Amino acid sequence: QVQLVESGGGLVQAGGSLRLSCAASGRTFIFINYFMGWFRQAPGKEREFVADINSNGGRIYYADSVKGRFTISRDNAKNTVYLQMNSLKPEDTAVYYCAAGSVVVRGTSGGYAYWGQGTQVTVSS
């Protein structure tokens, strides 16, 4: 069984920063074999793609809405993926989810087999 556990969410003022973490575990889960992605869902809206990163961190893809403000990274030794969020805006308010997939469609939720429970990020104006 694979578990993805997000942390680091909270309340921050516009212009502030947060760093989300997602720790992966599972008896047969080999973290380095998986693409990792971050997604978010705001109230009343559909879940949307935020960023993804390939197994060795060499290929990264961002949604246009976060490009230049958010940075995705991973530490394969710690089975953890991160999302550094800077210059936060009220429209970034959402529940943020991490996900893992061995074969994914970049920039979409296609192919992600495992999902975390989410962490709330609220940006006040």
C-alpha atoms as a PDB file:
ATOM      1  CA  GLN A   1       0.000   0.000   0.000  1.00  0.00           C
ATOM      2  CA  VAL A   2       1.323   3.397  -0.998  1.00  0.00           C
ATOM      3  CA  GLN A   3       0.900   6.437   1.205  1.00  0.00           C
ATOM      4  CA  LEU A   4       1.483  10.035   0.223  1.00  0.00           C
ATOM      5  CA  VAL A   5       1.298  12.510   3.081  1.00  0.00           C
ATOM      6  CA  GLU A   6       1.341  16.247   2.404  1.00  0.00           C
ATOM      7  CA  SER A   7       2.326  18.850   4.965  1.00  0.00           C
ATOM      8  CA  GLY A   8       3.258  22.507   5.151  1.00  0.00           C
ATOM      9  CA  GLY A   9      -0.014  24.152   4.282  1.00  0.00           C
ATOM     10  CA  GLY A  10      -1.440  27.056   6.225  1.00  0.00           C
ATOM     11  CA  LEU A  11      -2.606  30.642   6.182  1.00  0.00           C
ATOM     12  CA  VAL A  12      -0.332  33.267   4.654  1.00  0.00           C
ATOM     13  CA  GLN A  13      -0.706  36.841   3.480  1.00  0.00           C
ATOM     14  CA  ALA A  14      -0.515  37.731  -0.170  1.00  0.00           C
ATOM     15  CA  GLY A  15       3.099  38.002  -1.247  1.00  0.00           C
ATOM     16  CA  GLY A  16       4.216  35.453   1.303  1.00  0.00           C
ATOM     17  CA  SER A  17       5.731  32.011   0.903  1.00  0.00           C
ATOM     18  CA  LEU A  18       5.023  28.452   1.907  1.00  0.00           C
ATOM     19  CA  ARG A  19       6.851  25.190   1.332  1.00  0.00           C
ATOM     20  CA  LEU A  20       4.788  22.065   0.913  1.00  0.00           C
ATOM     21  CA  SER A  21       6.220  18.599   1.428  1.00  0.00           C
ATOM     22  CA  CYS A  22       4.921  15.219   0.370  1.00  0.00           C
ATOM     23  CA  ALA A  23       6.416  12.124   1.942  1.00  0.00           C
ATOM     24  CA  ALA A  24       5.904   8.847   0.123  1.00  0.00           C
ATOM     25  CA  SER A  25       6.015   5.394   1.663  1.00  0.00           C
ATOM     26  CA  GLY A  26       5.052   1.839   0.891  1.00  0.00           C
ATOM     27  CA  ARG A  27       6.611  -1.551   1.264  1.00  0.00           C
ATOM     28  CA  THR A  28       6.971  -2.085  -2.473  1.00  0.00           C
ATOM     29  CA  PHE A  29       6.961   1.558  -3.552  1.00  0.00           C
ATOM     30  CA  ILE A  30      10.186   2.617  -5.237  1.00  0.00           C
ATOM     31  CA  PHE A  31      10.043   6.399  -5.206  1.00  0.00           C
ATOM     32  CA  ILE A  32      12.667   6.969  -7.867  1.00  0.00           C
ATOM     33  CA  ASN A  33      10.552   5.045 -10.382  1.00  0.00           C
ATOM     34  CA  TYR A  34       7.728   7.579 -10.228  1.00  0.00           C
ATOM     35  CA  PHE A  35       6.834  10.932 -11.660  1.00  0.00           C
ATOM     36  CA  MET A  36       5.566  13.190  -8.896  1.00  0.00           C
ATOM     37  CA  GLY A  37       3.025  15.923  -9.367  1.00  0.00           C
ATOM     38  CA  TRP A  38       1.313  18.675  -7.432  1.00  0.00           C
ATOM     39  CA  PHE A  39      -2.298  19.558  -8.067  1.00  0.00           C
ATOM     40  CA  ARG A  40      -4.770  21.884  -6.404  1.00  0.00           C
ATOM     41  CA  GLN A  41      -8.493  22.287  -6.052  1.00  0.00           C
ATOM     42  CA  ALA A  42     -10.174  25.506  -5.044  1.00  0.00           C
ATOM     43  CA  PRO A  43     -13.729  25.575  -3.667  1.00  0.00           C
ATOM     44  CA  GLY A  44     -16.256  25.122  -6.430  1.00  0.00           C
ATOM     45  CA  LYS A  45     -13.593  24.473  -9.037  1.00  0.00           C
ATOM     46  CA  GLU A  46     -12.140  21.425 -10.681  1.00  0.00           C
ATOM     47  CA  ARG A  47      -8.784  20.037  -9.664  1.00  0.00           C
ATOM     48  CA  GLU A  48      -5.990  21.580 -11.700  1.00  0.00           C
ATOM     49  CA  PHE A  49      -2.400  20.732 -12.461  1.00  0.00           C
ATOM     50  CA  VAL A  50       0.301  22.784 -10.745  1.00  0.00           C
ATOM     51  CA  ALA A  51       3.684  21.162 -11.439  1.00  0.00           C
ATOM     52  CA  ASP A  52       5.343  17.844 -12.053  1.00  0.00           C
ATOM     53  CA  ILE A  53       8.840  16.416 -11.938  1.00  0.00           C
ATOM     54  CA  ASN A  54      10.338  13.305 -13.466  1.00  0.00           C
ATOM     55  CA  SER A  55      12.135  10.594 -11.548  1.00  0.00           C
ATOM     56  CA  ASN A  56      15.598  12.185 -11.429  1.00  0.00           C
ATOM     57  CA  GLY A  57      14.415  15.792 -11.305  1.00  0.00           C
ATOM     58  CA  GLY A  58      15.817  16.619 -14.703  1.00  0.00           C
ATOM     59  CA  ARG A  59      12.498  17.449 -16.334  1.00  0.00           C
ATOM     60  CA  ILE A  60      10.031  19.796 -14.719  1.00  0.00           C
ATOM     61  CA  TYR A  61       6.768  21.210 -15.979  1.00  0.00           C
ATOM     62  CA  TYR A  62       4.685  24.033 -14.521  1.00  0.00           C
ATOM     63  CA  ALA A  63       1.243  25.415 -15.087  1.00  0.00           C
ATOM     64  CA  ASP A  64       1.421  28.901 -16.582  1.00  0.00           C
ATOM     65  CA  SER A  65      -0.379  30.293 -13.544  1.00  0.00           C
ATOM     66  CA  VAL A  66       2.494  29.386 -11.200  1.00  0.00           C
ATOM     67  CA  LYS A  67       5.508  29.616 -13.491  1.00  0.00           C
ATOM     68  CA  GLY A  68       8.185  31.845 -11.991  1.00  0.00           C
ATOM     69  CA  ARG A  69       6.615  31.729  -8.522  1.00  0.00           C
ATOM     70  CA  PHE A  70       6.536  28.025  -7.609  1.00  0.00           C
ATOM     71  CA  THR A  71       9.396  25.529  -7.628  1.00  0.00           C
ATOM     72  CA  ILE A  72       8.988  21.765  -7.512  1.00  0.00           C
ATOM     73  CA  SER A  73      11.860  19.580  -6.350  1.00  0.00           C
ATOM     74  CA  ARG A  74      12.435  16.103  -5.008  1.00  0.00           C
ATOM     75  CA  ASP A  75      14.819  14.314  -2.674  1.00  0.00           C
ATOM     76  CA  ASN A  76      14.932  10.687  -3.715  1.00  0.00           C
ATOM     77  CA  ALA A  77      16.944   9.744  -0.639  1.00  0.00           C
ATOM     78  CA  LYS A  78      14.075  10.962   1.535  1.00  0.00           C
ATOM     79  CA  ASN A  79      11.212   9.813  -0.711  1.00  0.00           C
ATOM     80  CA  THR A  80       9.906  13.357  -0.608  1.00  0.00           C
ATOM     81  CA  VAL A  81       8.735  15.904  -3.141  1.00  0.00           C
ATOM     82  CA  TYR A  82       8.491  19.609  -2.360  1.00  0.00           C
ATOM     83  CA  LEU A  83       6.641  22.626  -3.673  1.00  0.00           C
ATOM     84  CA  GLN A  84       8.169  25.979  -2.800  1.00  0.00           C
ATOM     85  CA  MET A  85       5.542  28.646  -3.295  1.00  0.00           C
ATOM     86  CA  ASN A  86       6.603  32.288  -3.405  1.00  0.00           C
ATOM     87  CA  SER A  87       4.740  35.511  -4.166  1.00  0.00           C
ATOM     88  CA  LEU A  88       1.491  33.844  -3.212  1.00  0.00           C
ATOM     89  CA  LYS A  89      -1.762  35.333  -4.426  1.00  0.00           C
ATOM     90  CA  PRO A  90      -5.313  34.948  -3.077  1.00  0.00           C
ATOM     91  CA  GLU A  91      -6.146  32.937  -6.196  1.00  0.00           C
ATOM     92  CA  ASP A  92      -3.613  30.318  -5.056  1.00  0.00           C
ATOM     93  CA  THR A  93      -5.978  29.406  -2.216  1.00  0.00           C
ATOM     94  CA  ALA A  94      -6.848  25.727  -2.568  1.00  0.00           C
ATOM     95  CA  VAL A  95      -6.297  22.258  -1.224  1.00  0.00           C
ATOM     96  CA  TYR A  96      -2.987  21.052  -2.611  1.00  0.00           C
ATOM     97  CA  TYR A  97      -2.470  17.395  -3.436  1.00  0.00           C
ATOM     98  CA  CYS A  98       0.593  15.443  -4.394  1.00  0.00           C
ATOM     99  CA  ALA A  99       0.377  12.420  -6.635  1.00  0.00           C
ATOM    100  CA  ALA A 100       2.603   9.676  -8.005  1.00  0.00           C
ATOM    101  CA  GLY A 101       2.498   7.862 -11.296  1.00  0.00           C
ATOM    102  CA  SER A 102       4.892   5.646 -13.200  1.00  0.00           C
ATOM    103  CA  VAL A 103       3.686   6.741 -16.628  1.00  0.00           C
ATOM    104  CA  VAL A 104       1.910  10.082 -16.730  1.00  0.00           C
ATOM    105  CA  VAL A 105       0.612  12.592 -19.215  1.00  0.00           C
ATOM    106  CA  ARG A 106       2.702  15.655 -18.428  1.00  0.00           C
ATOM    107  CA  GLY A 107       0.706  18.632 -17.325  1.00  0.00           C
ATOM    108  CA  THR A 108      -2.426  16.638 -16.543  1.00  0.00           C
ATOM    109  CA  SER A 109      -3.685  14.209 -13.925  1.00  0.00           C
ATOM    110  CA  GLY A 110      -3.549  11.387 -16.434  1.00  0.00           C
ATOM    111  CA  GLY A 111      -1.647   8.360 -15.217  1.00  0.00           C
ATOM    112  CA  TYR A 112      -1.322   9.303 -11.559  1.00  0.00           C
ATOM    113  CA  ALA A 113      -2.150   6.188  -9.550  1.00  0.00           C
ATOM    114  CA  TYR A 114      -1.568   7.405  -6.016  1.00  0.00           C
ATOM    115  CA  TRP A 115      -2.840  10.557  -4.308  1.00  0.00           C
ATOM    116  CA  GLY A 116      -2.353  12.191  -0.945  1.00  0.00           C
ATOM    117  CA  GLN A 117      -5.112  13.507   1.268  1.00  0.00           C
ATOM    118  CA  GLY A 118      -4.284  17.147   0.590  1.00  0.00           C
ATOM    119  CA  THR A 119      -3.165  20.151   2.589  1.00  0.00           C
ATOM    120  CA  GLN A 120      -5.009  23.459   2.748  1.00  0.00           C
ATOM    121  CA  VAL A 121      -3.312  26.634   1.571  1.00  0.00           C
ATOM    122  CA  THR A 122      -5.112  29.894   2.235  1.00  0.00           C
ATOM    123  CA  VAL A 123      -3.762  33.215   0.993  1.00  0.00           C
ATOM    124  CA  SER A 124      -5.339  36.326   2.451  1.00  0.00           C
ATOM    125  CA  SER A 125      -5.419  39.631   0.613  1.00  0.00           C
END
